[in-house]
C-alpha atoms as a PDB file:
ATOM      1  CA  MET A   1      19.684  -2.550 -36.262  1.00  0.00           C
ATOM      2  CA  PRO A   2      21.018  -6.151 -36.264  1.00  0.00           C
ATOM      3  CA  ARG A   3      19.771  -8.312 -33.420  1.00  0.00           C
ATOM      4  CA  LYS A   4      22.216 -10.250 -31.313  1.00  0.00           C
ATOM      5  CA  LYS A   5      21.051 -13.723 -30.294  1.00  0.00           C
ATOM      6  CA  VAL A   6      20.895 -14.563 -26.617  1.00  0.00           C
ATOM      7  CA  VAL A   7      22.805 -17.713 -25.760  1.00  0.00           C
ATOM      8  CA  LYS A   8      20.038 -20.298 -25.589  1.00  0.00           C
ATOM      9  CA  ASP A   9      21.603 -22.187 -22.656  1.00  0.00           C
ATOM     10  CA  ALA A  10      21.521 -19.033 -20.526  1.00  0.00           C
ATOM     11  CA  ARG A  11      17.777 -18.550 -20.933  1.00  0.00           C
ATOM     12  CA  VAL A  12      15.233 -20.252 -18.752  1.00  0.00           C
ATOM     13  CA  ALA A  13      12.970 -23.012 -19.961  1.00  0.00           C
ATOM     14  CA  GLY A  14       9.487 -23.206 -18.524  1.00  0.00           C
ATOM     15  CA  LYS A  15       7.238 -20.635 -16.947  1.00  0.00           C
ATOM     16  CA  PRO A  16       8.647 -17.278 -15.817  1.00  0.00           C
ATOM     17  CA  ASP A  17       7.441 -17.847 -12.239  1.00  0.00           C
ATOM     18  CA  ASP A  18       9.430 -21.083 -11.931  1.00  0.00           C
ATOM     19  CA  ASN A  19      12.576 -19.174 -10.984  1.00  0.00           C
ATOM     20  CA  PHE A  20      11.180 -16.084  -9.235  1.00  0.00           C
ATOM     21  CA  LYS A  21      13.422 -14.895  -6.367  1.00  0.00           C
ATOM     22  CA  GLY A  22      11.788 -11.568  -5.512  1.00  0.00           C
ATOM     23  CA  PHE A  23      11.263  -7.926  -6.335  1.00  0.00           C
ATOM     24  CA  ILE A  24      13.889  -5.200  -6.119  1.00  0.00           C
ATOM     25  CA  LYS A  25      11.598  -2.390  -4.954  1.00  0.00           C
ATOM     26  CA  HIS A  26      13.567   0.724  -4.168  1.00  0.00           C
ATOM     27  CA  ASN A  27      11.590   3.947  -3.986  1.00  0.00           C
ATOM     28  CA  LEU A  28      13.744   7.005  -4.511  1.00  0.00           C
ATOM     29  CA  THR A  29      14.766   9.175  -1.609  1.00  0.00           C
ATOM     30  CA  ALA A  30      14.270  12.937  -2.017  1.00  0.00           C
ATOM     31  CA  VAL A  31      17.940  13.350  -3.030  1.00  0.00           C
ATOM     32  CA  GLU A  32      17.724  10.479  -5.537  1.00  0.00           C
ATOM     33  CA  LYS A  33      14.522  11.911  -7.010  1.00  0.00           C
ATOM     34  CA  ASP A  34      16.236  15.279  -7.580  1.00  0.00           C
ATOM     35  CA  ASP A  35      19.197  13.494  -9.181  1.00  0.00           C
ATOM     36  CA  PHE A  36      16.838  11.464 -11.371  1.00  0.00           C
ATOM     37  CA  MET A  37      14.963  14.553 -12.567  1.00  0.00           C
ATOM     38  CA  GLY A  38      18.265  16.227 -13.530  1.00  0.00           C
ATOM     39  CA  TRP A  39      19.414  13.048 -15.294  1.00  0.00           C
ATOM     40  CA  LEU A  40      16.064  12.726 -17.082  1.00  0.00           C
ATOM     41  CA  ASP A  41      16.334  16.270 -18.486  1.00  0.00           C
ATOM     42  CA  LYS A  42      19.584  15.241 -20.238  1.00  0.00           C
ATOM     43  CA  GLN A  43      18.198  12.072 -21.886  1.00  0.00           C
ATOM     44  CA  ASP A  44      17.432  11.760 -25.569  1.00  0.00           C
ATOM     45  CA  PRO A  45      13.835  10.518 -26.004  1.00  0.00           C
ATOM     46  CA  THR A  46      15.055   7.460 -27.935  1.00  0.00           C
ATOM     47  CA  SER A  47      17.679   6.374 -25.387  1.00  0.00           C
ATOM     48  CA  PHE A  48      15.209   4.138 -23.545  1.00  0.00           C
ATOM     49  CA  PHE A  49      14.568   2.143 -26.717  1.00  0.00           C
ATOM     50  CA  LEU A  50      18.307   1.569 -27.195  1.00  0.00           C
ATOM     51  CA  PHE A  51      18.567   0.552 -23.531  1.00  0.00           C
ATOM     52  CA  ALA A  52      15.597  -1.822 -23.875  1.00  0.00           C
ATOM     53  CA  HIS A  53      17.053  -3.386 -27.035  1.00  0.00           C
ATOM     54  CA  GLU A  54      20.336  -4.107 -25.248  1.00  0.00           C
ATOM     55  CA  GLN A  55      18.654  -5.503 -22.140  1.00  0.00           C
ATOM     56  CA  VAL A  56      16.260  -7.777 -24.031  1.00  0.00           C
ATOM     57  CA  ASP A  57      19.184  -9.152 -26.036  1.00  0.00           C
ATOM     58  CA  SER A  58      20.926  -9.864 -22.713  1.00  0.00           C
ATOM     59  CA  GLY A  59      18.053 -11.987 -21.411  1.00  0.00           C
ATOM     60  CA  TYR A  60      15.825  -9.469 -19.646  1.00  0.00           C
ATOM     61  CA  VAL A  61      12.074  -9.030 -20.079  1.00  0.00           C
ATOM     62  CA  ILE A  62      10.824  -5.437 -19.943  1.00  0.00           C
ATOM     63  CA  SER A  63       7.212  -4.576 -19.209  1.00  0.00           C
ATOM     64  CA  LEU A  64       5.247  -1.313 -19.105  1.00  0.00           C
ATOM     65  CA  LYS A  65       1.711  -1.193 -17.698  1.00  0.00           C
ATOM     66  CA  TYR A  66      -0.795   0.835 -15.746  1.00  0.00           C
ATOM     67  CA  ASP A  67      -0.915  -0.189 -12.090  1.00  0.00           C
ATOM     68  CA  ASP A  68      -4.533   0.092 -10.914  1.00  0.00           C
ATOM     69  CA  TYR A  69      -3.668  -0.546  -7.284  1.00  0.00           C
ATOM     70  CA  ASN A  70      -1.174   2.346  -7.025  1.00  0.00           C
ATOM     71  CA  GLU A  71      -2.807   4.427  -9.776  1.00  0.00           C
ATOM     72  CA  THR A  72       0.566   4.919 -11.466  1.00  0.00           C
ATOM     73  CA  TYR A  73       2.434   3.515 -14.444  1.00  0.00           C
ATOM     74  CA  GLN A  74       4.822   0.677 -13.745  1.00  0.00           C
ATOM     75  CA  ALA A  75       7.937  -0.345 -15.637  1.00  0.00           C
ATOM     76  CA  SER A  76       9.687  -3.587 -14.738  1.00  0.00           C
ATOM     77  CA  MET A  77      12.645  -5.693 -15.811  1.00  0.00           C
ATOM     78  CA  THR A  78      12.835  -9.403 -15.114  1.00  0.00           C
ATOM     79  CA  CYS A  79      16.178 -11.163 -15.448  1.00  0.00           C
ATOM     80  CA  ARG A  80      15.678 -14.484 -17.224  1.00  0.00           C
ATOM     81  CA  ASN A  81      19.388 -15.091 -17.909  1.00  0.00           C
ATOM     82  CA  ARG A  82      20.706 -17.859 -15.637  1.00  0.00           C
ATOM     83  CA  ALA A  83      24.262 -16.636 -16.156  1.00  0.00           C
ATOM     84  CA  HIS A  84      23.555 -13.268 -14.519  1.00  0.00           C
ATOM     85  CA  ASP A  85      23.523 -12.473 -10.780  1.00  0.00           C
ATOM     86  CA  ASN A  86      20.152 -10.724 -11.277  1.00  0.00           C
ATOM     87  CA  PHE A  87      18.563 -13.985 -12.447  1.00  0.00           C
ATOM     88  CA  GLY A  88      15.095 -14.504 -10.981  1.00  0.00           C
ATOM     89  CA  PHE A  89      14.717 -10.952  -9.668  1.00  0.00           C
ATOM     90  CA  VAL A  90      12.395  -8.211 -10.926  1.00  0.00           C
ATOM     91  CA  LEU A  91      13.335  -4.516 -10.799  1.00  0.00           C
ATOM     92  CA  VAL A  92      10.302  -2.203 -10.543  1.00  0.00           C
ATOM     93  CA  ALA A  93       9.784   1.532 -11.115  1.00  0.00           C
ATOM     94  CA  ARG A  94       6.572   3.554 -10.821  1.00  0.00           C
ATOM     95  CA  ALA A  95       5.775   7.098 -11.942  1.00  0.00           C
ATOM     96  CA  PRO A  96       2.774   9.258 -12.931  1.00  0.00           C
ATOM     97  CA  GLU A  97       3.522   8.890 -16.691  1.00  0.00           C
ATOM     98  CA  THR A  98       4.552   5.877 -18.789  1.00  0.00           C
ATOM     99  CA  GLY A  99       7.688   7.531 -20.181  1.00  0.00           C
ATOM    100  CA  THR A 100       8.854   8.655 -16.756  1.00  0.00           C
ATOM    101  CA  ALA A 101       8.375   5.125 -15.394  1.00  0.00           C
ATOM    102  CA  ALA A 102      10.389   3.698 -18.303  1.00  0.00           C
ATOM    103  CA  PHE A 103      13.249   6.130 -17.788  1.00  0.00           C
ATOM    104  CA  LEU A 104      13.126   5.612 -14.021  1.00  0.00           C
ATOM    105  CA  LEU A 105      13.628   1.887 -14.614  1.00  0.00           C
ATOM    106  CA  MET A 106      16.630   2.682 -16.802  1.00  0.00           C
ATOM    107  CA  TYR A 107      17.981   5.109 -14.168  1.00  0.00           C
ATOM    108  CA  LYS A 108      17.644   2.547 -11.384  1.00  0.00           C
ATOM    109  CA  HIS A 109      19.336  -0.186 -13.427  1.00  0.00           C
ATOM    110  CA  VAL A 110      22.167   1.899 -14.878  1.00  0.00           C
ATOM    111  CA  VAL A 111      22.816   4.778 -12.451  1.00  0.00           C
ATOM    112  CA  LEU A 112      21.670   3.668  -8.994  1.00  0.00           C
ATOM    113  CA  LEU A 113      22.530  -0.015  -9.170  1.00  0.00           C
ATOM    114  CA  GLY A 114      25.155  -0.152 -11.925  1.00  0.00           C
ATOM    115  CA  GLY A 115      23.458  -3.241 -13.359  1.00  0.00           C
ATOM    116  CA  ASN A 116      23.894  -5.159 -10.075  1.00  0.00           C
ATOM    117  CA  TRP A 117      20.478  -5.329  -8.446  1.00  0.00           C
ATOM    118  CA  LEU A 118      21.790  -7.200  -5.439  1.00  0.00           C
ATOM    119  CA  ALA A 119      23.718  -4.038  -4.515  1.00  0.00           C
ATOM    120  CA  PHE A 120      20.370  -2.595  -3.396  1.00  0.00           C
ATOM    121  CA  HIS A 121      20.131  -5.172  -0.648  1.00  0.00           C
ATOM    122  CA  GLU A 122      23.516  -4.024   0.658  1.00  0.00           C
ATOM    123  CA  ARG A 123      22.505  -0.339   0.822  1.00  0.00           C
ATOM    124  CA  GLU A 124      21.365   1.220   4.050  1.00  0.00           C
ATOM    125  CA  LYS A 125      17.660   1.864   3.641  1.00  0.00           C
ATOM    126  CA  GLU A 126      16.517   5.464   3.855  1.00  0.00           C
ATOM    127  CA  ASP A 127      13.124   7.151   3.924  1.00  0.00           C
ATOM    128  CA  ARG A 128      11.395   6.298   0.659  1.00  0.00           C
ATOM    129  CA  VAL A 129       9.383   8.939  -1.089  1.00  0.00           C
ATOM    130  CA  TRP A 130       8.987   8.211  -4.812  1.00  0.00           C
ATOM    131  CA  GLY A 131       9.570   5.701  -7.552  1.00  0.00           C
END
């Protein structure tokens, strides 16, 4: 698959923490969790890799790791593209398995937030139960 180059001027020089604005931490409500599980059942196992490829080429950093503190797996996306409204923010997803965390990150970015993480801040906050 040919790789598209990110416009160098849009990327950030220096350390990643130099431009940190905050975390977008939205745990799923019970209704959102049910919707996510239905959405997850319809996903091709390779669709996350295609998603990740596109996001990295657009100036995002994607990370998957075990979170000792919460005893879950964490997936995160950091926007390092100055030209994007998400610049400086980090979107986080947690789940009991690595693959579920990865797909939850994709779900949050694509389905819940439509690529606009700042939309989360405009939502009325509900009881948070998962994610």
